[in-house]
Amino acid sequence: FFFGSTLALWIQLPMTYHIPPEEYNFECVLPPNDEFAEWHEIPEYKQARRRCEELVHSSRPGQSHHHHVVEVIDNDKDINSPSIELSGDASITWDLQLNGNVPILRYLTLHLKSLDKFVSFSVTVLDEKAQTRLFKVSNHRSHCVISTEVVEGEEVSVCELPMTIGMGWQLCTLDLVDLCTKAFGTSKPNTLGLTVNGNCRVSKIFFHKEVYADAEMPVHLRCIG
């Protein structure tokens, strides 16, 4: 399989645009909503900080552990907005089943900045066959691999995807419907959760119904200017 065309969709500004109804077309993960200002209080961030502290405390004597970091950057100078920095073995996870209403929108977009090292994230979905599928996306893979893993006692179909990420802030958009169809022959994915691993900064994560230009986005999800 080759997924290069579905993995990175670069959003261009149109000459004219119409802002669609936000409640129908978008579902926010980071920031949680348009009114959320205190990133240090994001539950998933606080949980990631605790896991990072456990990593540090479990390090063997003499083992370098200071590079395991989860930290809010209150005002990233490149984008003039907050972001979360992950380094070392640090990660942050969103369990999207907690509110009982998992995202069903087709596209998932992440606004990421590589810290000049390996970057990866994973997305867990449930398809119309009630099968759990796991997509692992990283910049240290060069080709797609389909396999099966046992995750928490459950057999899960896994699709590992390569990602090319350059310098500075990048938009990465996944067409979850297209990926499920090409990798597993299924569709209608419901997203159960996602995890972002170091080494990167992440400023926005959201689901959307269509591919929109930046100017069509709700203000708190815009990535340009």
Protein backbone atom coordinates (compact mmCIF):
# COMPACT_ATOMS: atom_id res chain seq x y z
CA PHE A 1 0.00 0.00 0.00
CA PHE A 2 1.08 3.58 -0.56
CA PHE A 3 -0.53 6.23 1.58
CA GLY A 4 1.63 9.25 0.88
CA SER A 5 -1.17 11.18 -0.81
CA THR A 6 -3.58 10.62 2.09
CA LEU A 7 -1.15 11.37 4.89
CA ALA A 8 -0.20 14.96 4.16
CA LEU A 9 -2.77 17.40 2.83
CA TRP A 10 -1.50 20.95 2.55
CA ILE A 11 -4.19 23.55 3.14
CA GLN A 12 -4.23 26.56 0.83
CA LEU A 13 -6.03 29.85 1.41
CA PRO A 14 -8.89 30.42 -1.09
CA MET A 15 -9.85 33.78 -2.57
CA THR A 16 -13.28 33.56 -0.95
CA TYR A 17 -14.58 31.26 1.73
CA HIS A 18 -17.60 30.32 3.78
CA ILE A 19 -17.19 29.34 7.43
CA PRO A 20 -19.21 26.13 7.99
CA PRO A 21 -21.18 25.42 11.17
CA GLU A 22 -18.50 24.49 13.70
CA GLU A 23 -20.61 22.14 15.80
CA TYR A 24 -21.30 19.90 12.81
CA ASN A 25 -18.02 20.02 10.93
CA PHE A 26 -15.35 20.05 13.63
CA GLU A 27 -14.52 18.22 16.82
CA CYS A 28 -11.68 19.62 18.92
CA VAL A 29 -9.11 17.60 20.85
CA LEU A 30 -6.43 20.24 21.42
CA PRO A 31 -7.34 22.82 22.50
CA PRO A 32 -10.46 21.22 23.99
CA ASN A 33 -12.68 24.11 22.86
CA ASP A 34 -12.57 27.73 21.75
CA GLU A 35 -12.81 29.08 25.31
CA PHE A 36 -10.11 26.92 26.92
CA ALA A 37 -7.20 29.13 27.96
CA GLU A 38 -5.36 27.26 30.75
CA TRP A 39 -3.40 24.54 29.00
CA HIS A 40 -1.67 23.52 32.24
CA GLU A 41 -5.06 22.25 33.44
CA ILE A 42 -5.77 19.99 30.45
CA PRO A 43 -6.45 16.55 32.06
CA GLU A 44 -4.47 14.63 29.43
CA TYR A 45 -1.51 16.96 29.91
CA LYS A 46 -1.54 16.48 33.68
CA GLN A 47 -1.73 12.71 33.20
CA ALA A 48 1.17 12.83 30.75
CA ARG A 49 3.22 14.80 33.29
CA ARG A 50 2.60 12.11 35.91
CA ARG A 51 3.68 9.37 33.52
CA CYS A 52 6.79 11.36 32.66
CA GLU A 53 7.67 11.68 36.35
CA GLU A 54 7.29 7.91 36.69
CA LEU A 55 9.73 7.46 33.80
CA VAL A 56 12.27 9.66 35.54
CA HIS A 57 11.87 7.92 38.90
CA SER A 58 12.13 4.45 37.35
CA SER A 59 15.42 5.25 35.60
CA ARG A 60 18.36 3.14 36.71
CA PRO A 61 21.26 4.79 38.55
CA GLY A 62 23.52 6.54 36.09
CA GLN A 63 20.91 6.37 33.33
CA SER A 64 20.17 9.68 31.61
CA HIS A 65 16.58 10.67 32.29
CA HIS A 66 16.48 14.44 32.08
CA HIS A 67 15.40 14.28 28.42
CA HIS A 68 11.96 12.86 29.29
CA VAL A 69 9.89 16.04 29.18
CA VAL A 70 6.22 17.01 28.90
CA GLU A 71 5.82 20.76 29.09
CA VAL A 72 3.35 23.44 28.06
CA ILE A 73 4.93 26.21 26.01
CA ASP A 74 2.66 29.11 26.91
CA ASN A 75 3.42 31.14 23.80
CA ASP A 76 5.38 29.41 21.07
CA LYS A 77 7.18 32.24 19.30
CA ASP A 78 6.77 30.67 15.86
CA ILE A 79 2.97 30.44 16.00
CA ASN A 80 2.07 32.91 18.78
CA SER A 81 -0.05 30.33 20.57
CA PRO A 82 0.40 27.59 23.20
CA SER A 83 1.78 24.17 22.43
CA ILE A 84 2.79 21.01 24.30
CA GLU A 85 6.39 19.83 24.00
CA LEU A 86 7.20 16.13 24.24
CA SER A 87 10.74 14.78 24.34
CA GLY A 88 12.47 11.52 25.11
CA ASP A 89 10.03 8.71 25.85
CA ALA A 90 7.29 11.13 26.88
CA SER A 91 3.85 10.86 25.29
CA ILE A 92 0.35 12.25 25.68
CA THR A 93 -2.83 10.21 25.15
CA TRP A 94 -6.44 11.18 24.58
CA ASP A 95 -9.06 8.53 25.40
CA LEU A 96 -11.89 9.72 23.19
CA GLN A 97 -14.38 7.21 24.63
CA LEU A 98 -14.57 8.91 28.02
CA ASN A 99 -17.50 11.17 27.16
CA GLY A 100 -19.38 8.33 25.46
CA ASN A 101 -19.44 10.12 22.09
CA VAL A 102 -16.45 9.10 19.95
CA PRO A 103 -15.50 11.17 16.89
CA ILE A 104 -16.92 9.91 13.60
CA LEU A 105 -15.64 12.69 11.34
CA ARG A 106 -13.52 11.57 8.40
CA TYR A 107 -10.37 13.66 8.75
CA LEU A 108 -7.91 14.03 11.60
CA THR A 109 -5.42 16.92 11.55
CA LEU A 110 -2.43 17.51 13.81
CA HIS A 111 -0.31 20.68 13.87
CA LEU A 112 3.18 19.42 14.72
CA LYS A 113 6.74 20.67 14.96
CA SER A 114 9.56 18.13 14.88
CA LEU A 115 12.40 18.60 17.37
CA ASP A 116 14.86 17.20 14.80
CA LYS A 117 14.39 13.63 16.03
CA PHE A 118 12.01 10.74 15.47
CA VAL A 119 8.34 11.74 15.74
CA SER A 120 5.38 9.39 15.95
CA PHE A 121 1.71 9.25 16.80
CA SER A 122 -0.92 6.54 16.79
CA VAL A 123 -4.68 6.49 16.21
CA THR A 124 -7.05 3.73 17.35
CA VAL A 125 -10.35 3.30 15.51
CA LEU A 126 -13.30 0.91 15.57
CA ASP A 127 -14.77 0.07 12.17
CA GLU A 128 -18.20 -1.15 11.05
CA LYS A 129 -17.12 -4.76 11.67
CA ALA A 130 -16.55 -3.88 15.33
CA GLN A 131 -12.84 -4.55 14.77
CA THR A 132 -10.19 -2.40 16.46
CA ARG A 133 -7.64 -0.98 14.04
CA LEU A 134 -4.45 0.83 15.03
CA PHE A 135 -2.59 3.27 12.78
CA LYS A 136 1.00 4.05 13.75
CA VAL A 137 2.51 7.02 11.93
CA SER A 138 6.20 7.88 12.21
CA ASN A 139 9.07 9.51 10.37
CA HIS A 140 11.45 6.60 10.99
CA ARG A 141 9.55 4.24 8.67
CA SER A 142 10.11 4.22 4.92
CA HIS A 143 7.20 2.00 3.86
CA CYS A 144 3.79 0.75 4.99
CA VAL A 145 3.48 -2.44 7.04
CA ILE A 146 0.27 -4.31 7.92
CA SER A 147 0.45 -6.65 10.91
CA THR A 148 -1.41 -7.96 13.95
CA GLU A 149 -0.56 -7.20 17.57
CA VAL A 150 -2.03 -8.10 20.94
CA VAL A 151 -2.89 -4.90 22.79
CA GLU A 152 -4.23 -5.23 26.35
CA GLY A 153 -5.25 -8.82 25.64
CA GLU A 154 -7.05 -7.97 22.40
CA GLU A 155 -5.87 -8.85 18.90
CA VAL A 156 -5.59 -5.62 16.93
CA SER A 157 -4.89 -5.05 13.23
CA VAL A 158 -2.04 -2.57 12.86
CA CYS A 159 -1.08 -0.38 9.93
CA GLU A 160 2.31 1.34 10.25
CA LEU A 161 2.66 4.37 8.00
CA PRO A 162 5.67 6.48 6.99
CA MET A 163 5.57 10.23 7.51
CA THR A 164 7.78 12.93 6.07
CA ILE A 165 8.01 15.99 8.29
CA GLY A 166 10.23 18.96 7.54
CA MET A 167 11.56 21.80 9.62
CA GLY A 168 9.19 24.10 11.48
CA TRP A 169 5.48 23.67 12.07
CA GLN A 170 3.67 21.25 9.77
CA LEU A 171 0.07 20.21 9.18
CA CYS A 172 -0.54 16.47 8.97
CA THR A 173 -4.00 15.32 7.90
CA LEU A 174 -5.21 11.71 7.89
CA ASP A 175 -8.16 10.57 5.83
CA LEU A 176 -9.30 7.87 8.23
CA VAL A 177 -11.97 6.47 5.90
CA ASP A 178 -9.51 6.11 3.02
CA LEU A 179 -6.86 4.57 5.26
CA CYS A 180 -9.28 1.98 6.68
CA THR A 181 -10.48 1.09 3.19
CA LYS A 182 -7.00 0.65 1.73
CA ALA A 183 -5.42 -1.07 4.73
CA PHE A 184 -8.25 -3.28 5.99
CA GLY A 185 -11.05 -3.19 3.41
CA THR A 186 -13.44 -1.53 5.87
CA SER A 187 -14.85 1.94 6.44
CA LYS A 188 -16.92 4.05 8.85
CA PRO A 189 -14.19 4.36 11.50
CA ASN A 190 -15.04 5.67 14.95
CA THR A 191 -11.93 7.06 16.62
CA LEU A 192 -11.38 5.62 20.09
CA GLY A 193 -8.14 7.34 21.04
CA LEU A 194 -4.86 8.82 19.93
CA THR A 195 -1.35 9.20 21.32
CA VAL A 196 1.39 11.65 20.36
CA ASN A 197 4.96 10.66 21.23
CA GLY A 198 8.16 12.66 21.48
CA ASN A 199 10.07 14.33 20.03
CA CYS A 200 7.84 17.17 18.92
CA ARG A 201 5.60 20.04 19.82
CA VAL A 202 1.87 19.85 19.14
CA SER A 203 -0.44 22.86 19.11
CA LYS A 204 -3.68 21.61 17.58
CA ILE A 205 -5.50 18.32 17.09
CA PHE A 206 -8.98 18.17 15.63
CA PHE A 207 -11.38 16.12 13.52
CA HIS A 208 -13.25 17.60 10.58
CA LYS A 209 -15.85 16.56 8.05
CA GLU A 210 -14.16 18.03 4.97
CA VAL A 211 -10.75 19.41 4.02
CA TYR A 212 -10.98 23.14 4.67
CA ALA A 213 -8.68 26.05 3.98
CA ASP A 214 -7.16 27.66 7.05
CA ALA A 215 -9.40 30.71 6.65
CA GLU A 216 -12.46 28.44 6.78
CA MET A 217 -11.52 27.08 10.19
CA PRO A 218 -12.91 28.29 13.50
CA VAL A 219 -10.52 30.92 14.80
CA HIS A 220 -9.07 28.74 17.58
CA LEU A 221 -8.13 26.02 15.04
CA ARG A 222 -6.39 28.21 12.50
CA CYS A 223 -2.70 27.55 11.97
CA ILE A 224 -1.72 30.36 9.60
CA GLY A 225 -1.40 33.90 10.91
